[in-house]
């Protein structure tokens, strides 16, 4: 039985299409966050597995059918997230979701050249998740002092780095580091974690050894700059 309303005990009513590796991870997060989740999965075996693991509604059916999305509760849904490995399926589901006036649609896009088709429909996209994971693994090995590395649209990057004892940032304010051109204009320090506490830095914030910096860069950061900053 479907939930009667998007409001109430749960924070969001979400329809998740696809219960592969990405979809399953998303389902677990959404359920743990107390969202109201309905899953649509075309593979009966996968659908049964999700139904056995979670106390949620699971439909074994074709999400490219408007009737299936209506059965999933499209009129009450706050969001629909499509996670299959087939961009044609994902695009069709997003198109139907737009017609059904689901407020927010998000889709995995497996090939970058398809992303604009999704954006034209108003969907938020997650481009090529396998490539994102590959980049993350590669950077974890290549840059051990860099954590939670992510590539954003148009070449921007966000990551966390730990400041070593011999880093030129140590005992200097952010303003001084900029004056000395240690921190380029394209880079912004968003947060400083120190002794388990996180704060938003000001220009006069002094960086210390073992600080964990959350950094945003408008352009790709070179290995040379990473080595320079981390020490």
Foldseek 3Di string as FASTA:
>chain_A
DADPAQDDPADFEEEEEACDPVSVVVVVVRVVNRGQYEYEYQDPVSQVVVVVVDVHHYHNDQLLDLVVVVVSPLVRGQEYEYEDLDVVSQLSNLLSSVVSCNPAYEYEAQAPVCVVSSVVSVHHYDYNVVVQVVVQVVCCVVPVQWAPWGADPPAKIKIKGAAAPPAPQAQAFQLVCVVVVLDPPQKDFQWKADPNDIDGDDRRDRDHHGIITIMIGNHDDDPVSSVNRRD
